[in-house]
Amino acid sequence: MSYYQWAEGVEVCLANHEVYHSKEDVMDAIKENEQQITQYRMQLFGMVCGSPKDLFADKDEEGYSIDPIETALMKFNQIFDEENFGLLYLVSHNVKLRYIYDNWDKVKEG
């Protein structure tokens, strides 16, 4: 994480080239992550409470048979996949963003 300070303010750049120009930008990113986390939680709740055969189709778009259990497993893995911005990524990203948000004024003063 890099901090760049100039007369008008502070800019924070994370290792993956995300740049935040203000504390409000950081909070907006946190809120976006939390919305996506909520969507994933709802999907997981449905997967846990429902039957995979009821929740997932047994035919693909072309009419070929597919195993709904296998489809459920793939969807479950996608939800947690860190490389595809799944829950693992979102939670760890929010920890970093929360740290930046909480310490923004300290960087600005320093």
PDB file of N, CA and C in Angstrom:
ATOM      1  N   MET A   1       0.849  -1.157   0.000  1.00  0.00           N
ATOM      2  CA  MET A   1       0.000   0.000   0.000  1.00  0.00           C
ATOM      3  C   MET A   1       0.901   1.228   0.000  1.00  0.00           C
ATOM      4  N   SER A   2       0.576   2.161  -0.861  1.00  0.00           N
ATOM      5  CA  SER A   2       1.354   3.391  -0.958  1.00  0.00           C
ATOM      6  C   SER A   2       0.470   4.591  -0.682  1.00  0.00           C
ATOM      7  N   TYR A   3       1.032   5.547   0.007  1.00  0.00           N
ATOM      8  CA  TYR A   3       0.330   6.792   0.276  1.00  0.00           C
ATOM      9  C   TYR A   3       1.038   7.910  -0.483  1.00  0.00           C
ATOM     10  N   TYR A   4       0.269   8.723  -1.151  1.00  0.00           N
ATOM     11  CA  TYR A   4       0.820   9.877  -1.836  1.00  0.00           C
ATOM     12  C   TYR A   4       0.116  11.114  -1.290  1.00  0.00           C
ATOM     13  N   GLN A   5       0.890  12.041  -0.835  1.00  0.00           N
ATOM     14  CA  GLN A   5       0.307  13.225  -0.225  1.00  0.00           C
ATOM     15  C   GLN A   5       0.714  14.451  -1.039  1.00  0.00           C
ATOM     16  N   TRP A   6      -0.224  15.346  -1.263  1.00  0.00           N
ATOM     17  CA  TRP A   6       0.046  16.606  -1.928  1.00  0.00           C
ATOM     18  C   TRP A   6      -0.748  17.694  -1.227  1.00  0.00           C
ATOM     19  N   ALA A   7      -0.661  18.891  -1.697  1.00  0.00           N
ATOM     20  CA  ALA A   7      -1.245  20.032  -0.984  1.00  0.00           C
ATOM     21  C   ALA A   7      -2.737  19.890  -0.757  1.00  0.00           C
ATOM     22  N   GLU A   8      -3.460  19.336  -1.717  1.00  0.00           N
ATOM     23  CA  GLU A   8      -4.913  19.239  -1.597  1.00  0.00           C
ATOM     24  C   GLU A   8      -5.387  18.005  -0.840  1.00  0.00           C
ATOM     25  N   GLY A   9      -4.547  17.012  -0.665  1.00  0.00           N
ATOM     26  CA  GLY A   9      -5.037  15.821   0.020  1.00  0.00           C
ATOM     27  C   GLY A   9      -4.100  14.644  -0.053  1.00  0.00           C
ATOM     28  N   VAL A  10      -4.688  13.467   0.068  1.00  0.00           N
ATOM     29  CA  VAL A  10      -3.945  12.213   0.119  1.00  0.00           C
ATOM     30  C   VAL A  10      -4.543  11.258  -0.913  1.00  0.00           C
ATOM     31  N   GLU A  11      -3.691  10.455  -1.496  1.00  0.00           N
ATOM     32  CA  GLU A  11      -4.137   9.412  -2.413  1.00  0.00           C
ATOM     33  C   GLU A  11      -3.547   8.102  -1.905  1.00  0.00           C
ATOM     34  N   VAL A  12      -4.346   7.053  -1.894  1.00  0.00           N
ATOM     35  CA  VAL A  12      -3.888   5.741  -1.444  1.00  0.00           C
ATOM     36  C   VAL A  12      -3.945   4.790  -2.626  1.00  0.00           C
ATOM     37  N   CYS A  13      -2.863   4.065  -2.834  1.00  0.00           N
ATOM     38  CA  CYS A  13      -2.794   3.097  -3.927  1.00  0.00           C
ATOM     39  C   CYS A  13      -2.495   1.726  -3.329  1.00  0.00           C
ATOM     40  N   LEU A  14      -3.386   0.769  -3.573  1.00  0.00           N
ATOM     41  CA  LEU A  14      -3.163  -0.601  -3.105  1.00  0.00           C
ATOM     42  C   LEU A  14      -2.304  -1.350  -4.114  1.00  0.00           C
ATOM     43  N   ALA A  15      -1.826  -2.510  -3.726  1.00  0.00           N
ATOM     44  CA  ALA A  15      -0.915  -3.296  -4.556  1.00  0.00           C
ATOM     45  C   ALA A  15      -1.520  -3.655  -5.912  1.00  0.00           C
ATOM     46  N   ASN A  16      -2.836  -3.795  -5.984  1.00  0.00           N
ATOM     47  CA  ASN A  16      -3.475  -4.165  -7.248  1.00  0.00           C
ATOM     48  C   ASN A  16      -3.911  -2.927  -8.037  1.00  0.00           C
ATOM     49  N   HIS A  17      -3.252  -1.810  -7.799  1.00  0.00           N
ATOM     50  CA  HIS A  17      -3.440  -0.555  -8.529  1.00  0.00           C
ATOM     51  C   HIS A  17      -4.789   0.109  -8.301  1.00  0.00           C
ATOM     52  N   GLU A  18      -5.445  -0.221  -7.208  1.00  0.00           N
ATOM     53  CA  GLU A  18      -6.651   0.513  -6.837  1.00  0.00           C
ATOM     54  C   GLU A  18      -6.212   1.837  -6.249  1.00  0.00           C
ATOM     55  N   VAL A  19      -6.852   2.901  -6.656  1.00  0.00           N
ATOM     56  CA  VAL A  19      -6.491   4.217  -6.154  1.00  0.00           C
ATOM     57  C   VAL A  19      -7.721   4.855  -5.524  1.00  0.00           C
ATOM     58  N   TYR A  20      -7.529   5.400  -4.334  1.00  0.00           N
ATOM     59  CA  TYR A  20      -8.593   6.097  -3.617  1.00  0.00           C
ATOM     60  C   TYR A  20      -8.126   7.524  -3.344  1.00  0.00           C
ATOM     61  N   HIS A  21      -8.918   8.476  -3.792  1.00  0.00           N
ATOM     62  CA  HIS A  21      -8.549   9.884  -3.675  1.00  0.00           C
ATOM     63  C   HIS A  21      -9.115  10.544  -2.427  1.00  0.00           C
ATOM     64  N   SER A  22     -10.088   9.904  -1.822  1.00  0.00           N
ATOM     65  CA  SER A  22     -10.700  10.504  -0.636  1.00  0.00           C
ATOM     66  C   SER A  22     -11.227   9.408   0.283  1.00  0.00           C
ATOM     67  N   LYS A  23     -11.503   9.807   1.496  1.00  0.00           N
ATOM     68  CA  LYS A  23     -12.069   8.893   2.484  1.00  0.00           C
ATOM     69  C   LYS A  23     -13.439   8.395   2.012  1.00  0.00           C
ATOM     70  N   GLU A  24     -14.178   9.265   1.322  1.00  0.00           N
ATOM     71  CA  GLU A  24     -15.499   8.893   0.809  1.00  0.00           C
ATOM     72  C   GLU A  24     -15.391   7.818  -0.281  1.00  0.00           C
ATOM     73  N   ASP A  25     -14.337   7.881  -1.102  1.00  0.00           N
ATOM     74  CA  ASP A  25     -14.117   6.844  -2.115  1.00  0.00           C
ATOM     75  C   ASP A  25     -13.914   5.482  -1.463  1.00  0.00           C
ATOM     76  N   VAL A  26     -13.183   5.482  -0.365  1.00  0.00           N
ATOM     77  CA  VAL A  26     -12.926   4.229   0.362  1.00  0.00           C
ATOM     78  C   VAL A  26     -14.241   3.688   0.919  1.00  0.00           C
ATOM     79  N   MET A  27     -15.068   4.565   1.506  1.00  0.00           N
ATOM     80  CA  MET A  27     -16.344   4.126   2.066  1.00  0.00           C
ATOM     81  C   MET A  27     -17.266   3.604   0.969  1.00  0.00           C
ATOM     82  N   ASP A  28     -17.260   4.229  -0.196  1.00  0.00           N
ATOM     83  CA  ASP A  28     -18.069   3.743  -1.316  1.00  0.00           C
ATOM     84  C   ASP A  28     -17.656   2.328  -1.725  1.00  0.00           C
ATOM     85  N   ALA A  29     -16.350   2.065  -1.753  1.00  0.00           N
ATOM     86  CA  ALA A  29     -15.852   0.728  -2.092  1.00  0.00           C
ATOM     87  C   ALA A  29     -16.266  -0.286  -1.031  1.00  0.00           C
ATOM     88  N   ILE A  30     -16.218   0.105   0.234  1.00  0.00           N
ATOM     89  CA  ILE A  30     -16.645  -0.779   1.321  1.00  0.00           C
ATOM     90  C   ILE A  30     -18.120  -1.130   1.153  1.00  0.00           C
ATOM     91  N   LYS A  31     -18.942  -0.136   0.855  1.00  0.00           N
ATOM     92  CA  LYS A  31     -20.382  -0.369   0.683  1.00  0.00           C
ATOM     93  C   LYS A  31     -20.665  -1.283  -0.506  1.00  0.00           C
ATOM     94  N   GLU A  32     -19.933  -1.102  -1.608  1.00  0.00           N
ATOM     95  CA  GLU A  32     -20.106  -1.991  -2.765  1.00  0.00           C
ATOM     96  C   GLU A  32     -19.765  -3.428  -2.395  1.00  0.00           C
ATOM     97  N   ASN A  33     -18.662  -3.612  -1.681  1.00  0.00           N
ATOM     98  CA  ASN A  33     -18.279  -4.958  -1.241  1.00  0.00           C
ATOM     99  C   ASN A  33     -19.352  -5.564  -0.338  1.00  0.00           C
ATOM    100  N   GLU A  34     -19.884  -4.763   0.588  1.00  0.00           N
ATOM    101  CA  GLU A  34     -20.901  -5.265   1.506  1.00  0.00           C
ATOM    102  C   GLU A  34     -22.179  -5.658   0.769  1.00  0.00           C
ATOM    103  N   GLN A  35     -22.530  -4.928  -0.284  1.00  0.00           N
ATOM    104  CA  GLN A  35     -23.698  -5.308  -1.086  1.00  0.00           C
ATOM    105  C   GLN A  35     -23.476  -6.661  -1.754  1.00  0.00           C
ATOM    106  N   GLN A  36     -22.280  -6.864  -2.306  1.00  0.00           N
ATOM    107  CA  GLN A  36     -21.975  -8.137  -2.955  1.00  0.00           C
ATOM    108  C   GLN A  36     -21.940  -9.265  -1.927  1.00  0.00           C
ATOM    109  N   ILE A  37     -21.395  -9.006  -0.751  1.00  0.00           N
ATOM    110  CA  ILE A  37     -21.374 -10.013   0.316  1.00  0.00           C
ATOM    111  C   ILE A  37     -22.798 -10.397   0.692  1.00  0.00           C
ATOM    112  N   THR A  38     -23.696  -9.429   0.787  1.00  0.00           N
ATOM    113  CA  THR A  38     -25.103  -9.705   1.108  1.00  0.00           C
ATOM    114  C   THR A  38     -25.743 -10.583   0.040  1.00  0.00           C
ATOM    115  N   GLN A  39     -25.455 -10.307  -1.226  1.00  0.00           N
ATOM    116  CA  GLN A  39     -25.998 -11.144  -2.306  1.00  0.00           C
ATOM    117  C   GLN A  39     -25.489 -12.568  -2.201  1.00  0.00           C
ATOM    118  N   TYR A  40     -24.203 -12.724  -1.917  1.00  0.00           N
ATOM    119  CA  TYR A  40     -23.651 -14.066  -1.750  1.00  0.00           C
ATOM    120  C   TYR A  40     -24.273 -14.775  -0.550  1.00  0.00           C
ATOM    121  N   ARG A  41     -24.488 -14.055   0.535  1.00  0.00           N
ATOM    122  CA  ARG A  41     -25.113 -14.652   1.727  1.00  0.00           C
ATOM    123  C   ARG A  41     -26.510 -15.163   1.394  1.00  0.00           C
ATOM    124  N   MET A  42     -27.265 -14.394   0.612  1.00  0.00           N
ATOM    125  CA  MET A  42     -28.618 -14.819   0.231  1.00  0.00           C
ATOM    126  C   MET A  42     -28.562 -16.070  -0.642  1.00  0.00           C
ATOM    127  N   GLN A  43     -27.609 -16.121  -1.561  1.00  0.00           N
ATOM    128  CA  GLN A  43     -27.454 -17.304  -2.404  1.00  0.00           C
ATOM    129  C   GLN A  43     -27.096 -18.523  -1.570  1.00  0.00           C
ATOM    130  N   LEU A  44     -26.160 -18.350  -0.630  1.00  0.00           N
ATOM    131  CA  LEU A  44     -25.771 -19.464   0.238  1.00  0.00           C
ATOM    132  C   LEU A  44     -26.931 -19.932   1.102  1.00  0.00           C
ATOM    133  N   PHE A  45     -27.697 -18.990   1.623  1.00  0.00           N
ATOM    134  CA  PHE A  45     -28.854 -19.347   2.439  1.00  0.00           C
ATOM    135  C   PHE A  45     -29.833 -20.200   1.624  1.00  0.00           C
ATOM    136  N   GLY A  46     -30.081 -19.787   0.398  1.00  0.00           N
ATOM    137  CA  GLY A  46     -30.963 -20.570  -0.468  1.00  0.00           C
ATOM    138  C   GLY A  46     -30.408 -21.954  -0.761  1.00  0.00           C
ATOM    139  N   MET A  47     -29.094 -22.030  -0.959  1.00  0.00           N
ATOM    140  CA  MET A  47     -28.475 -23.318  -1.254  1.00  0.00           C
ATOM    141  C   MET A  47     -28.520 -24.248  -0.043  1.00  0.00           C
ATOM    142  N   VAL A  48     -28.373 -23.685   1.151  1.00  0.00           N
ATOM    143  CA  VAL A  48     -28.377 -24.499   2.364  1.00  0.00           C
ATOM    144  C   VAL A  48     -29.793 -24.953   2.700  1.00  0.00           C
ATOM    145  N   CYS A  49     -30.763 -24.088   2.520  1.00  0.00           N
ATOM    146  CA  CYS A  49     -32.135 -24.394   2.924  1.00  0.00           C
ATOM    147  C   CYS A  49     -32.907 -25.188   1.880  1.00  0.00           C
ATOM    148  N   GLY A  50     -32.509 -25.076   0.632  1.00  0.00           N
ATOM    149  CA  GLY A  50     -33.259 -25.749  -0.423  1.00  0.00           C
ATOM    150  C   GLY A  50     -32.598 -27.033  -0.868  1.00  0.00           C
ATOM    151  N   SER A  51     -33.272 -27.735  -1.707  1.00  0.00           N
ATOM    152  CA  SER A  51     -32.740 -28.950  -2.305  1.00  0.00           C
ATOM    153  C   SER A  51     -32.059 -28.570  -3.622  1.00  0.00           C
ATOM    154  N   PRO A  52     -30.833 -29.041  -3.855  1.00  0.00           N
ATOM    155  CA  PRO A  52     -30.161 -28.712  -5.119  1.00  0.00           C
ATOM    156  C   PRO A  52     -30.992 -29.080  -6.346  1.00  0.00           C
ATOM    157  N   LYS A  53     -31.754 -30.158  -6.246  1.00  0.00           N
ATOM    158  CA  LYS A  53     -32.581 -30.550  -7.387  1.00  0.00           C
ATOM    159  C   LYS A  53     -33.692 -29.545  -7.642  1.00  0.00           C
ATOM    160  N   ASP A  54     -34.149 -28.847  -6.585  1.00  0.00           N
ATOM    161  CA  ASP A  54     -35.165 -27.820  -6.750  1.00  0.00           C
ATOM    162  C   ASP A  54     -34.565 -26.474  -7.153  1.00  0.00           C
ATOM    163  N   LEU A  55     -33.349 -26.220  -6.716  1.00  0.00           N
ATOM    164  CA  LEU A  55     -32.719 -24.918  -6.952  1.00  0.00           C
ATOM    165  C   LEU A  55     -31.992 -24.812  -8.280  1.00  0.00           C
ATOM    166  N   PHE A  56     -31.507 -25.919  -8.807  1.00  0.00           N
ATOM    167  CA  PHE A  56     -30.708 -25.891 -10.022  1.00  0.00           C
ATOM    168  C   PHE A  56     -31.354 -26.762 -11.089  1.00  0.00           C
ATOM    169  N   ALA A  57     -31.319 -26.264 -12.300  1.00  0.00           N
ATOM    170  CA  ALA A  57     -31.942 -26.966 -13.422  1.00  0.00           C
ATOM    171  C   ALA A  57     -31.230 -28.285 -13.701  1.00  0.00           C
ATOM    172  N   ASP A  58     -31.977 -29.225 -14.266  1.00  0.00           N
ATOM    173  CA  ASP A  58     -31.369 -30.503 -14.631  1.00  0.00           C
ATOM    174  C   ASP A  58     -31.090 -30.583 -16.134  1.00  0.00           C
ATOM    175  N   LYS A  59     -31.349 -29.479 -16.843  1.00  0.00           N
ATOM    176  CA  LYS A  59     -31.043 -29.393 -18.270  1.00  0.00           C
ATOM    177  C   LYS A  59     -30.375 -28.049 -18.536  1.00  0.00           C
ATOM    178  N   ASP A  60     -29.395 -28.063 -19.452  1.00  0.00           N
ATOM    179  CA  ASP A  60     -28.758 -26.800 -19.809  1.00  0.00           C
ATOM    180  C   ASP A  60     -29.577 -26.102 -20.890  1.00  0.00           C
ATOM    181  N   GLU A  61     -29.080 -24.986 -21.404  1.00  0.00           N
ATOM    182  CA  GLU A  61     -29.827 -24.200 -22.384  1.00  0.00           C
ATOM    183  C   GLU A  61     -30.081 -24.952 -23.682  1.00  0.00           C
ATOM    184  N   GLU A  62     -29.218 -25.915 -23.997  1.00  0.00           N
ATOM    185  CA  GLU A  62     -29.358 -26.683 -25.227  1.00  0.00           C
ATOM    186  C   GLU A  62     -30.171 -27.962 -25.028  1.00  0.00           C
ATOM    187  N   GLY A  63     -30.639 -28.205 -23.803  1.00  0.00           N
ATOM    188  CA  GLY A  63     -31.477 -29.357 -23.533  1.00  0.00           C
ATOM    189  C   GLY A  63     -30.736 -30.593 -23.061  1.00  0.00           C
ATOM    190  N   TYR A  64     -29.432 -30.492 -22.888  1.00  0.00           N
ATOM    191  CA  TYR A  64     -28.657 -31.629 -22.402  1.00  0.00           C
ATOM    192  C   TYR A  64     -28.821 -31.770 -20.890  1.00  0.00           C
ATOM    193  N   SER A  65     -28.825 -33.010 -20.420  1.00  0.00           N
ATOM    194  CA  SER A  65     -28.961 -33.261 -18.993  1.00  0.00           C
ATOM    195  C   SER A  65     -27.696 -32.848 -18.253  1.00  0.00           C
ATOM    196  N   ILE A  66     -27.897 -32.220 -17.106  1.00  0.00           N
ATOM    197  CA  ILE A  66     -26.783 -31.870 -16.234  1.00  0.00           C
ATOM    198  C   ILE A  66     -27.143 -32.294 -14.823  1.00  0.00           C
ATOM    199  N   ASP A  67     -26.127 -32.555 -14.051  1.00  0.00           N
ATOM    200  CA  ASP A  67     -26.329 -32.982 -12.668  1.00  0.00           C
ATOM    201  C   ASP A  67     -26.516 -31.746 -11.785  1.00  0.00           C
ATOM    202  N   PRO A  68     -27.699 -31.574 -11.186  1.00  0.00           N
ATOM    203  CA  PRO A  68     -27.925 -30.386 -10.357  1.00  0.00           C
ATOM    204  C   PRO A  68     -27.006 -30.333  -9.140  1.00  0.00           C
ATOM    205  N   ILE A  69     -26.593 -31.492  -8.636  1.00  0.00           N
ATOM    206  CA  ILE A  69     -25.676 -31.516  -7.492  1.00  0.00           C
ATOM    207  C   ILE A  69     -24.315 -30.950  -7.920  1.00  0.00           C
ATOM    208  N   GLU A  70     -23.836 -31.334  -9.075  1.00  0.00           N
ATOM    209  CA  GLU A  70     -22.568 -30.821  -9.591  1.00  0.00           C
ATOM    210  C   GLU A  70     -22.673 -29.319  -9.868  1.00  0.00           C
ATOM    211  N   THR A  71     -23.793 -28.875 -10.384  1.00  0.00           N
ATOM    212  CA  THR A  71     -24.013 -27.451 -10.629  1.00  0.00           C
ATOM    213  C   THR A  71     -23.992 -26.682  -9.313  1.00  0.00           C
ATOM    214  N   ALA A  72     -24.613 -27.229  -8.280  1.00  0.00           N
ATOM    215  CA  ALA A  72     -24.614 -26.587  -6.967  1.00  0.00           C
ATOM    216  C   ALA A  72     -23.204 -26.494  -6.415  1.00  0.00           C
ATOM    217  N   LEU A  73     -22.421 -27.538  -6.564  1.00  0.00           N
ATOM    218  CA  LEU A  73     -21.047 -27.543  -6.080  1.00  0.00           C
ATOM    219  C   LEU A  73     -20.214 -26.494  -6.809  1.00  0.00           C
ATOM    220  N   MET A  74     -20.366 -26.386  -8.112  1.00  0.00           N
ATOM    221  CA  MET A  74     -19.631 -25.375  -8.879  1.00  0.00           C
ATOM    222  C   MET A  74     -20.031 -23.968  -8.436  1.00  0.00           C
ATOM    223  N   LYS A  75     -21.329 -23.749  -8.216  1.00  0.00           N
ATOM    224  CA  LYS A  75     -21.793 -22.436  -7.776  1.00  0.00           C
ATOM    225  C   LYS A  75     -21.241 -22.110  -6.389  1.00  0.00           C
ATOM    226  N   PHE A  76     -21.248 -23.083  -5.504  1.00  0.00           N
ATOM    227  CA  PHE A  76     -20.696 -22.903  -4.161  1.00  0.00           C
ATOM    228  C   PHE A  76     -19.223 -22.510  -4.235  1.00  0.00           C
ATOM    229  N   ASN A  77     -18.461 -23.196  -5.072  1.00  0.00           N
ATOM    230  CA  ASN A  77     -17.042 -22.878  -5.236  1.00  0.00           C
ATOM    231  C   ASN A  77     -16.842 -21.481  -5.819  1.00  0.00           C
ATOM    232  N   GLN A  78     -17.701 -21.074  -6.755  1.00  0.00           N
ATOM    233  CA  GLN A  78     -17.606 -19.726  -7.336  1.00  0.00           C
ATOM    234  C   GLN A  78     -17.847 -18.652  -6.276  1.00  0.00           C
ATOM    235  N   ILE A  79     -18.779 -18.891  -5.387  1.00  0.00           N
ATOM    236  CA  ILE A  79     -19.093 -17.905  -4.352  1.00  0.00           C
ATOM    237  C   ILE A  79     -17.885 -17.635  -3.462  1.00  0.00           C
ATOM    238  N   PHE A  80     -17.082 -18.649  -3.207  1.00  0.00           N
ATOM    239  CA  PHE A  80     -15.926 -18.488  -2.320  1.00  0.00           C
ATOM    240  C   PHE A  80     -14.618 -18.225  -3.061  1.00  0.00           C
ATOM    241  N   ASP A  81     -14.606 -18.321  -4.369  1.00  0.00           N
ATOM    242  CA  ASP A  81     -13.378 -18.200  -5.153  1.00  0.00           C
ATOM    243  C   ASP A  81     -12.744 -16.820  -5.004  1.00  0.00           C
ATOM    244  N   GLU A  82     -11.540 -16.796  -4.468  1.00  0.00           N
ATOM    245  CA  GLU A  82     -10.847 -15.527  -4.214  1.00  0.00           C
ATOM    246  C   GLU A  82     -10.453 -14.828  -5.512  1.00  0.00           C
ATOM    247  N   GLU A  83     -10.054 -15.588  -6.526  1.00  0.00           N
ATOM    248  CA  GLU A  83      -9.602 -14.992  -7.776  1.00  0.00           C
ATOM    249  C   GLU A  83     -10.739 -14.355  -8.567  1.00  0.00           C
ATOM    250  N   ASN A  84     -11.958 -14.784  -8.325  1.00  0.00           N
ATOM    251  CA  ASN A  84     -13.110 -14.228  -9.039  1.00  0.00           C
ATOM    252  C   ASN A  84     -13.933 -13.302  -8.151  1.00  0.00           C
ATOM    253  N   PHE A  85     -13.270 -12.649  -7.205  1.00  0.00           N
ATOM    254  CA  PHE A  85     -13.918 -11.683  -6.313  1.00  0.00           C
ATOM    255  C   PHE A  85     -15.045 -12.302  -5.504  1.00  0.00           C
ATOM    256  N   GLY A  86     -14.808 -13.518  -5.033  1.00  0.00           N
ATOM    257  CA  GLY A  86     -15.773 -14.192  -4.176  1.00  0.00           C
ATOM    258  C   GLY A  86     -15.671 -13.707  -2.744  1.00  0.00           C
ATOM    259  N   LEU A  87     -16.315 -14.433  -1.858  1.00  0.00           N
ATOM    260  CA  LEU A  87     -16.364 -14.025  -0.457  1.00  0.00           C
ATOM    261  C   LEU A  87     -14.987 -13.877   0.182  1.00  0.00           C
ATOM    262  N   LEU A  88     -14.077 -14.776  -0.112  1.00  0.00           N
ATOM    263  CA  LEU A  88     -12.737 -14.679   0.481  1.00  0.00           C
ATOM    264  C   LEU A  88     -12.071 -13.365   0.101  1.00  0.00           C
ATOM    265  N   TYR A  89     -12.182 -12.995  -1.165  1.00  0.00           N
ATOM    266  CA  TYR A  89     -11.607 -11.729  -1.609  1.00  0.00           C
ATOM    267  C   TYR A  89     -12.320 -10.550  -0.963  1.00  0.00           C
ATOM    268  N   LEU A  90     -13.643 -10.550  -1.001  1.00  0.00           N
ATOM    269  CA  LEU A  90     -14.411  -9.405  -0.517  1.00  0.00           C
ATOM    270  C   LEU A  90     -14.172  -9.129   0.964  1.00  0.00           C
ATOM    271  N   VAL A  91     -14.125 -10.176   1.772  1.00  0.00           N
ATOM    272  CA  VAL A  91     -13.917  -9.993   3.208  1.00  0.00           C
ATOM    273  C   VAL A  91     -12.512  -9.449   3.479  1.00  0.00           C
ATOM    274  N   SER A  92     -11.490 -10.027   2.857  1.00  0.00           N
ATOM    275  CA  SER A  92     -10.125  -9.537   3.084  1.00  0.00           C
ATOM    276  C   SER A  92      -9.945  -8.129   2.511  1.00  0.00           C
ATOM    277  N   HIS A  93     -10.583  -7.845   1.397  1.00  0.00           N
ATOM    278  CA  HIS A  93     -10.509  -6.514   0.804  1.00  0.00           C
ATOM    279  C   HIS A  93     -11.163  -5.482   1.724  1.00  0.00           C
ATOM    280  N   ASN A  94     -12.280  -5.844   2.322  1.00  0.00           N
ATOM    281  CA  ASN A  94     -12.944  -4.919   3.238  1.00  0.00           C
ATOM    282  C   ASN A  94     -12.103  -4.649   4.488  1.00  0.00           C
ATOM    283  N   VAL A  95     -11.333  -5.630   4.940  1.00  0.00           N
ATOM    284  CA  VAL A  95     -10.440  -5.410   6.082  1.00  0.00           C
ATOM    285  C   VAL A  95      -9.404  -4.343   5.712  1.00  0.00           C
ATOM    286  N   LYS A  96      -8.811  -4.461   4.527  1.00  0.00           N
ATOM    287  CA  LYS A  96      -7.840  -3.470   4.072  1.00  0.00           C
ATOM    288  C   LYS A  96      -8.487  -2.091   3.937  1.00  0.00           C
ATOM    289  N   LEU A  97      -9.663  -2.059   3.317  1.00  0.00           N
ATOM    290  CA  LEU A  97     -10.342  -0.780   3.109  1.00  0.00           C
ATOM    291  C   LEU A  97     -10.739  -0.138   4.428  1.00  0.00           C
ATOM    292  N   ARG A  98     -11.183  -0.944   5.380  1.00  0.00           N
ATOM    293  CA  ARG A  98     -11.574  -0.415   6.688  1.00  0.00           C
ATOM    294  C   ARG A  98     -10.352   0.176   7.397  1.00  0.00           C
ATOM    295  N   TYR A  99      -9.206  -0.492   7.256  1.00  0.00           N
ATOM    296  CA  TYR A  99      -7.964   0.035   7.845  1.00  0.00           C
ATOM    297  C   TYR A  99      -7.618   1.397   7.217  1.00  0.00           C
ATOM    298  N   ILE A 100      -7.708   1.470   5.905  1.00  0.00           N
ATOM    299  CA  ILE A 100      -7.430   2.736   5.214  1.00  0.00           C
ATOM    300  C   ILE A 100      -8.405   3.813   5.671  1.00  0.00           C
ATOM    301  N   TYR A 101      -9.680   3.458   5.733  1.00  0.00           N
ATOM    302  CA  TYR A 101     -10.701   4.433   6.137  1.00  0.00           C
ATOM    303  C   TYR A 101     -10.441   4.943   7.557  1.00  0.00           C
ATOM    304  N   ASP A 102     -10.184   4.020   8.469  1.00  0.00           N
ATOM    305  CA  ASP A 102      -9.969   4.391   9.870  1.00  0.00           C
ATOM    306  C   ASP A 102      -8.701   5.215  10.080  1.00  0.00           C
ATOM    307  N   ASN A 103      -7.715   5.056   9.190  1.00  0.00           N
ATOM    308  CA  ASN A 103      -6.438   5.736   9.362  1.00  0.00           C
ATOM    309  C   ASN A 103      -6.200   6.861   8.349  1.00  0.00           C
ATOM    310  N   TRP A 104      -7.213   7.201   7.588  1.00  0.00           N
ATOM    311  CA  TRP A 104      -7.061   8.213   6.535  1.00  0.00           C
ATOM    312  C   TRP A 104      -6.555   9.542   7.100  1.00  0.00           C
ATOM    313  N   ASP A 105      -7.155  10.012   8.164  1.00  0.00           N
ATOM    314  CA  ASP A 105      -6.779  11.296   8.727  1.00  0.00           C
ATOM    315  C   ASP A 105      -5.379  11.282   9.319  1.00  0.00           C
ATOM    316  N   LYS A 106      -4.941  10.144   9.842  1.00  0.00           N
ATOM    317  CA  LYS A 106      -3.584  10.027  10.381  1.00  0.00           C
ATOM    318  C   LYS A 106      -2.557  10.181   9.261  1.00  0.00           C
ATOM    319  N   VAL A 107      -2.847   9.596   8.105  1.00  0.00           N
ATOM    320  CA  VAL A 107      -1.933   9.711   6.963  1.00  0.00           C
ATOM    321  C   VAL A 107      -1.908  11.156   6.485  1.00  0.00           C
ATOM    322  N   LYS A 108      -3.075  11.777   6.441  1.00  0.00           N
ATOM    323  CA  LYS A 108      -3.173  13.145   5.969  1.00  0.00           C
ATOM    324  C   LYS A 108      -2.376  14.094   6.868  1.00  0.00           C
ATOM    325  N   GLU A 109      -2.418  13.829   8.185  1.00  0.00           N
ATOM    326  CA  GLU A 109      -1.694  14.669   9.131  1.00  0.00           C
ATOM    327  C   GLU A 109      -0.189  14.429   9.062  1.00  0.00           C
ATOM    328  N   GLY A 110       0.178  13.142   8.791  1.00  0.00           N
ATOM    329  CA  GLY A 110       1.586  12.752   8.834  1.00  0.00           C
ATOM    330  C   GLY A 110       2.310  13.204   7.641  1.00  0.00           C
TER     331      GLY A 110
END
